[in-house]
Amino acid sequence: MYKYLQLVRWPNLIMIIVLQYLLRYALVEPILLYEDKALLITPFEFFILVFSCVLIAGGGYVINDIEDLEIDKVNKPEKKIVENQISKENAMNLYTALTFIGVLGGFFLSYIKGYSYIGIINLITAGMLYFYATSYKCIPVLGNVIISLLSSLVVFIVIVPEPFAKDHPGVMLMIAVYGFFSFITTLIREIIKDIEDLEGDQRFDCATLATVLGITKAKWTCIILTFSVLSLLIYAQIFSRQWESILPFLYICIFIELPFFVLLRKLYYAEKKSDFYKASLWLKLIMFTGIISLAIFKFSF
């Protein structure tokens, strides 16, 4: 059983669940309640929304591993699950089941709530994950941007069935902030992963930013993006005088901005594959602390 959980990247799926539930109950609901408005979809309906997102994301990881079989023999032979622990046929059956149930969940929610676009969004997302794995991944920048956009969609889909939330400028601003944070951190991490996978991608003619520009230029692209998002965070704190709300101010300084400075240092001195792997893990930690910041904002609301 554990090998199947590894295949669907269960820690990443847990992060999706935590992110979406915190967005609903730590951000959207408190703001709407303050305005004497309520969430329209029930907890069970929201569970279906989250569950369908998680299944589609899990299916995306599976199909990506299936399509990367030969490349992974070079890049990470010891971590390869498909063929080593799970047959390709069983992996494909798992992908089909996860994706089908995930898309079906979206259309079920659309049917009972009358929002047809939820099912359509899930269907398009599943299709984009499939085409990413089979072709877009080996198109420089485009593949990275697609995955980053889908990552930010995990944020925005939380308010799709909530008209009061979509009409509230405060909610939309915060959703946009977290959506952008999800997009930019995912984009940086995808480029770092491309640098890690350079050897296998080159051998099998998979064009990525790292194979086209080389390690140094790809690395500096990550450094510039990281510095840009860090600068935006600091500017937003100054512009909003965030220090007047001490708890979120200290949290962002210590658990988000300081780790970004550490990431910059790690990227600057990164040369070997192991260096970029450590940078990728550090960025994943930043993504997690970014998610947890939602709980901090709830307590200070």
Protein backbone atom coordinates (compact mmCIF):
# COMPACT_ATOMS: atom_id res chain seq x y z
CA MET A 1 0.00 0.00 0.00
CA TYR A 2 2.78 2.42 0.91
CA LYS A 3 4.33 2.10 -2.56
CA TYR A 4 1.08 3.42 -4.06
CA LEU A 5 1.10 6.34 -1.62
CA GLN A 6 4.67 7.10 -2.66
CA LEU A 7 3.65 6.98 -6.32
CA VAL A 8 0.94 9.62 -5.84
CA ARG A 9 3.32 11.78 -3.72
CA TRP A 10 1.17 11.64 -0.60
CA PRO A 11 3.00 14.50 1.23
CA ASN A 12 2.17 16.84 -1.67
CA LEU A 13 -1.47 15.72 -1.58
CA ILE A 14 -1.62 16.39 2.16
CA MET A 15 -0.32 19.90 1.46
CA ILE A 16 -3.14 20.44 -1.05
CA ILE A 17 -5.72 19.33 1.52
CA VAL A 18 -4.28 21.55 4.26
CA LEU A 19 -4.03 24.53 1.88
CA GLN A 20 -7.60 24.30 0.64
CA TYR A 21 -9.13 23.76 4.08
CA LEU A 22 -7.14 26.65 5.54
CA LEU A 23 -8.18 28.87 2.65
CA ARG A 24 -11.82 28.08 3.36
CA TYR A 25 -11.88 28.16 7.15
CA ALA A 26 -9.00 30.48 8.02
CA LEU A 27 -9.39 33.07 5.24
CA VAL A 28 -12.68 33.04 3.32
CA GLU A 29 -15.11 32.13 6.10
CA PRO A 30 -13.83 34.64 8.73
CA ILE A 31 -13.93 37.52 6.24
CA LEU A 32 -17.43 36.63 5.03
CA LEU A 33 -18.72 36.19 8.59
CA TYR A 34 -17.34 39.62 9.44
CA GLU A 35 -19.51 40.95 6.59
CA ASP A 36 -22.54 38.93 7.82
CA LYS A 37 -22.33 36.59 4.85
CA ALA A 38 -21.98 32.83 4.78
CA LEU A 39 -20.37 30.09 2.71
CA LEU A 40 -22.83 28.55 0.29
CA ILE A 41 -21.45 25.05 -0.21
CA THR A 42 -21.73 22.63 2.70
CA PRO A 43 -18.75 20.97 4.41
CA PHE A 44 -19.58 17.72 2.58
CA GLU A 45 -19.70 19.48 -0.78
CA PHE A 46 -16.39 21.16 -0.02
CA PHE A 47 -14.93 17.76 0.87
CA ILE A 48 -15.96 16.53 -2.59
CA LEU A 49 -14.24 19.56 -4.15
CA VAL A 50 -11.01 18.94 -2.24
CA PHE A 51 -11.16 15.17 -2.75
CA SER A 52 -11.56 15.56 -6.52
CA CYS A 53 -8.61 17.98 -6.67
CA VAL A 54 -6.43 15.56 -4.70
CA LEU A 55 -7.34 12.60 -6.91
CA ILE A 56 -6.60 14.51 -10.12
CA ALA A 57 -3.28 15.74 -8.70
CA GLY A 58 -2.37 12.19 -7.64
CA GLY A 59 -3.23 10.94 -11.11
CA GLY A 60 -0.99 13.64 -12.56
CA TYR A 61 1.98 12.38 -10.54
CA VAL A 62 1.31 8.81 -11.69
CA ILE A 63 1.10 9.59 -15.41
CA ASN A 64 4.22 11.74 -15.12
CA ASP A 65 6.17 8.81 -13.64
CA ILE A 66 4.85 6.48 -16.35
CA GLU A 67 5.94 8.83 -19.12
CA ASP A 68 9.33 9.45 -17.45
CA LEU A 69 10.27 5.77 -17.11
CA GLU A 70 13.38 5.93 -19.27
CA ILE A 71 14.49 9.36 -18.03
CA ASP A 72 14.11 8.29 -14.40
CA LYS A 73 16.36 5.29 -15.02
CA VAL A 74 19.12 7.86 -15.46
CA ASN A 75 18.07 10.61 -13.04
CA LYS A 76 16.82 8.64 -10.03
CA PRO A 77 17.02 4.87 -10.60
CA GLU A 78 16.91 4.12 -6.86
CA LYS A 79 13.68 6.12 -6.40
CA LYS A 80 11.84 4.78 -9.45
CA ILE A 81 8.59 3.12 -8.35
CA VAL A 82 6.98 2.22 -11.69
CA GLU A 83 8.50 -1.08 -12.90
CA ASN A 84 10.66 -1.39 -9.76
CA GLN A 85 7.76 -1.80 -7.30
CA ILE A 86 4.57 -1.36 -9.34
CA SER A 87 4.02 -2.66 -12.85
CA LYS A 88 3.40 -0.14 -15.62
CA GLU A 89 -0.04 -1.69 -16.23
CA ASN A 90 -1.08 -1.30 -12.59
CA ALA A 91 0.24 2.26 -12.54
CA MET A 92 -1.82 3.10 -15.63
CA ASN A 93 -4.91 1.54 -14.06
CA LEU A 94 -4.33 3.65 -10.95
CA TYR A 95 -3.94 6.80 -13.06
CA THR A 96 -7.18 6.06 -14.92
CA ALA A 97 -9.12 5.39 -11.72
CA LEU A 98 -7.84 8.47 -9.89
CA THR A 99 -8.45 10.79 -12.83
CA PHE A 100 -11.89 9.38 -13.66
CA ILE A 101 -13.15 9.61 -10.07
CA GLY A 102 -11.63 13.08 -9.66
CA VAL A 103 -13.32 14.42 -12.80
CA LEU A 104 -16.57 12.64 -11.88
CA GLY A 105 -16.47 14.29 -8.44
CA GLY A 106 -16.23 17.70 -10.10
CA PHE A 107 -19.21 17.03 -12.36
CA PHE A 108 -21.20 15.62 -9.41
CA LEU A 109 -20.60 18.84 -7.51
CA SER A 110 -21.55 20.81 -10.62
CA TYR A 111 -24.80 18.84 -10.88
CA ILE A 112 -25.93 19.29 -7.27
CA LYS A 113 -24.92 22.98 -7.11
CA GLY A 114 -25.63 24.02 -10.68
CA TYR A 115 -22.09 25.23 -11.33
CA SER A 116 -21.17 23.38 -14.51
CA TYR A 117 -17.74 25.00 -14.71
CA ILE A 118 -16.41 23.08 -11.67
CA GLY A 119 -16.59 19.83 -13.60
CA ILE A 120 -15.16 21.53 -16.68
CA ILE A 121 -12.25 22.94 -14.66
CA ASN A 122 -11.46 19.47 -13.29
CA LEU A 123 -11.65 17.97 -16.77
CA ILE A 124 -9.35 20.62 -18.25
CA THR A 125 -6.93 20.24 -15.32
CA ALA A 126 -6.75 16.46 -15.82
CA GLY A 127 -6.19 16.98 -19.54
CA MET A 128 -3.43 19.53 -18.97
CA LEU A 129 -1.65 17.19 -16.53
CA TYR A 130 -1.80 14.40 -19.12
CA PHE A 131 -0.48 16.56 -21.96
CA TYR A 132 2.18 18.02 -19.68
CA ALA A 133 3.48 14.53 -18.92
CA THR A 134 3.34 13.39 -22.55
CA SER A 135 4.58 16.48 -24.39
CA TYR A 136 4.52 19.90 -22.70
CA LYS A 137 7.14 18.90 -20.14
CA CYS A 138 9.78 18.90 -22.85
CA ILE A 139 8.93 22.37 -24.11
CA PRO A 140 11.17 24.91 -22.33
CA VAL A 141 9.35 27.24 -19.93
CA LEU A 142 5.89 26.24 -21.19
CA GLY A 143 5.86 23.03 -19.16
CA ASN A 144 7.02 24.88 -16.04
CA VAL A 145 4.39 27.58 -16.47
CA ILE A 146 1.58 25.07 -16.99
CA ILE A 147 2.36 23.22 -13.77
CA SER A 148 2.69 26.52 -11.92
CA LEU A 149 -0.68 27.72 -13.22
CA LEU A 150 -2.31 24.46 -12.17
CA SER A 151 -0.74 24.88 -8.75
CA SER A 152 -2.30 28.34 -8.39
CA LEU A 153 -5.61 26.91 -9.60
CA VAL A 154 -5.67 24.80 -6.42
CA VAL A 155 -6.02 28.14 -4.60
CA PHE A 156 -8.59 29.78 -6.87
CA ILE A 157 -10.92 26.78 -7.16
CA VAL A 158 -11.77 27.12 -3.45
CA ILE A 159 -13.86 30.24 -4.20
CA VAL A 160 -15.29 29.10 -7.55
CA PRO A 161 -18.58 27.91 -5.97
CA GLU A 162 -18.72 30.84 -3.52
CA PRO A 163 -20.30 33.93 -5.19
CA PHE A 164 -20.10 36.04 -2.02
CA ALA A 165 -16.35 35.37 -1.85
CA LYS A 166 -15.85 36.27 -5.51
CA ASP A 167 -17.68 39.57 -4.97
CA HIS A 168 -15.61 40.52 -1.92
CA PRO A 169 -12.49 42.57 -2.83
CA GLY A 170 -10.68 41.60 0.38
CA VAL A 171 -11.15 37.89 -0.22
CA MET A 172 -10.14 38.19 -3.86
CA LEU A 173 -7.01 40.15 -2.94
CA MET A 174 -5.86 37.51 -0.46
CA ILE A 175 -6.73 34.67 -2.86
CA ALA A 176 -4.72 36.44 -5.57
CA VAL A 177 -1.76 36.84 -3.18
CA TYR A 178 -1.74 33.15 -2.25
CA GLY A 179 -2.38 32.15 -5.85
CA PHE A 180 0.62 34.19 -6.98
CA PHE A 181 2.76 32.77 -4.15
CA SER A 182 1.79 29.25 -5.21
CA PHE A 183 2.55 30.04 -8.87
CA ILE A 184 5.96 31.63 -8.34
CA THR A 185 7.27 29.12 -5.78
CA THR A 186 6.13 26.22 -7.97
CA LEU A 187 7.79 27.82 -11.00
CA ILE A 188 11.10 28.19 -9.14
CA ARG A 189 10.92 24.62 -7.86
CA GLU A 190 10.14 23.24 -11.33
CA ILE A 191 13.20 24.96 -12.79
CA ILE A 192 15.36 23.62 -9.94
CA LYS A 193 14.02 20.13 -10.62
CA ASP A 194 14.88 20.57 -14.31
CA ILE A 195 18.47 21.32 -13.28
CA GLU A 196 18.48 18.18 -11.11
CA ASP A 197 17.19 16.09 -14.04
CA LEU A 198 19.55 17.58 -16.59
CA GLU A 199 21.47 14.36 -17.36
CA GLY A 200 18.44 12.24 -18.18
CA ASP A 201 16.67 15.03 -20.06
CA GLN A 202 19.71 15.58 -22.27
CA ARG A 203 20.10 11.88 -22.99
CA PHE A 204 16.48 11.52 -24.13
CA ASP A 205 16.24 14.89 -25.92
CA CYS A 206 13.78 16.41 -23.46
CA ALA A 207 14.21 20.17 -23.88
CA THR A 208 13.92 22.15 -20.65
CA LEU A 209 15.20 25.52 -19.52
CA ALA A 210 18.24 23.77 -18.03
CA THR A 211 19.10 21.84 -21.20
CA VAL A 212 18.60 24.87 -23.44
CA LEU A 213 20.30 27.56 -21.33
CA GLY A 214 22.64 25.42 -19.26
CA ILE A 215 22.90 25.05 -15.49
CA THR A 216 24.35 28.49 -14.75
CA LYS A 217 21.70 30.51 -16.59
CA ALA A 218 18.88 28.30 -15.28
CA LYS A 219 20.24 28.74 -11.77
CA TRP A 220 20.35 32.51 -12.13
CA THR A 221 16.79 32.47 -13.42
CA CYS A 222 15.81 30.84 -10.10
CA ILE A 223 17.87 33.38 -8.15
CA ILE A 224 16.23 36.34 -9.93
CA LEU A 225 12.72 34.90 -9.41
CA THR A 226 13.45 34.18 -5.75
CA PHE A 227 14.85 37.67 -5.18
CA SER A 228 11.83 39.18 -6.93
CA VAL A 229 9.25 37.41 -4.79
CA LEU A 230 11.23 38.23 -1.64
CA SER A 231 11.36 41.90 -2.65
CA LEU A 232 7.60 41.90 -3.28
CA LEU A 233 6.98 40.43 0.18
CA ILE A 234 9.09 43.08 1.86
CA TYR A 235 7.46 45.86 -0.19
CA ALA A 236 3.97 44.57 0.71
CA GLN A 237 4.90 44.60 4.40
CA ILE A 238 6.14 48.18 4.20
CA PHE A 239 3.21 49.37 2.08
CA SER A 240 0.61 47.81 4.41
CA ARG A 241 2.51 48.73 7.61
CA GLN A 242 2.23 45.10 8.59
CA TRP A 243 4.29 45.56 11.75
CA GLU A 244 1.14 47.04 13.27
CA SER A 245 -0.14 43.46 13.37
CA ILE A 246 2.84 41.93 15.12
CA LEU A 247 2.04 38.19 14.92
CA PRO A 248 1.73 37.85 11.11
CA PHE A 249 4.60 40.33 10.67
CA LEU A 250 6.98 38.25 12.79
CA TYR A 251 5.78 35.00 11.22
CA ILE A 252 6.45 36.20 7.68
CA CYS A 253 9.84 37.64 8.63
CA ILE A 254 11.04 34.52 10.46
CA PHE A 255 9.34 31.65 8.64
CA ILE A 256 9.05 32.92 5.06
CA GLU A 257 11.44 35.78 4.32
CA LEU A 258 14.39 34.44 6.30
CA PRO A 259 14.11 31.01 4.60
CA PHE A 260 13.99 32.83 1.24
CA PHE A 261 17.32 34.48 2.10
CA VAL A 262 18.72 31.03 2.95
CA LEU A 263 17.38 29.70 -0.37
CA LEU A 264 19.14 32.50 -2.23
CA ARG A 265 22.41 31.52 -0.59
CA LYS A 266 21.87 27.83 -1.36
CA LEU A 267 21.13 28.59 -5.01
CA TYR A 268 24.10 30.95 -5.34
CA TYR A 269 26.56 28.30 -4.15
CA ALA A 270 24.78 25.33 -5.77
CA GLU A 271 26.93 23.40 -8.24
CA LYS A 272 26.19 19.69 -7.85
CA LYS A 273 22.92 17.81 -8.30
CA SER A 274 22.76 17.25 -4.53
CA ASP A 275 23.03 21.02 -3.96
CA PHE A 276 19.97 21.67 -6.11
CA TYR A 277 18.11 18.81 -4.44
CA LYS A 278 18.68 20.46 -1.04
CA ALA A 279 17.53 23.81 -2.48
CA SER A 280 14.38 22.15 -3.78
CA LEU A 281 13.64 20.67 -0.34
CA TRP A 282 14.22 24.05 1.28
CA LEU A 283 11.79 25.68 -1.16
CA LYS A 284 9.23 23.01 -0.33
CA LEU A 285 9.59 24.01 3.33
CA ILE A 286 8.91 27.64 2.35
CA MET A 287 5.80 26.53 0.48
CA PHE A 288 4.62 24.73 3.62
CA THR A 289 5.26 27.72 5.91
CA GLY A 290 3.43 29.86 3.37
CA ILE A 291 0.40 27.59 3.70
CA ILE A 292 0.54 27.63 7.50
CA SER A 293 0.58 31.44 7.44
CA LEU A 294 -3.15 31.22 6.72
CA ALA A 295 -3.70 29.93 10.26
CA ILE A 296 -1.61 32.79 11.66
CA PHE A 297 -3.73 35.34 9.82
CA LYS A 298 -6.91 33.74 11.19
CA PHE A 299 -5.72 34.16 14.78
CA SER A 300 -4.87 37.80 14.10
CA PHE A 301 -8.06 38.57 12.16
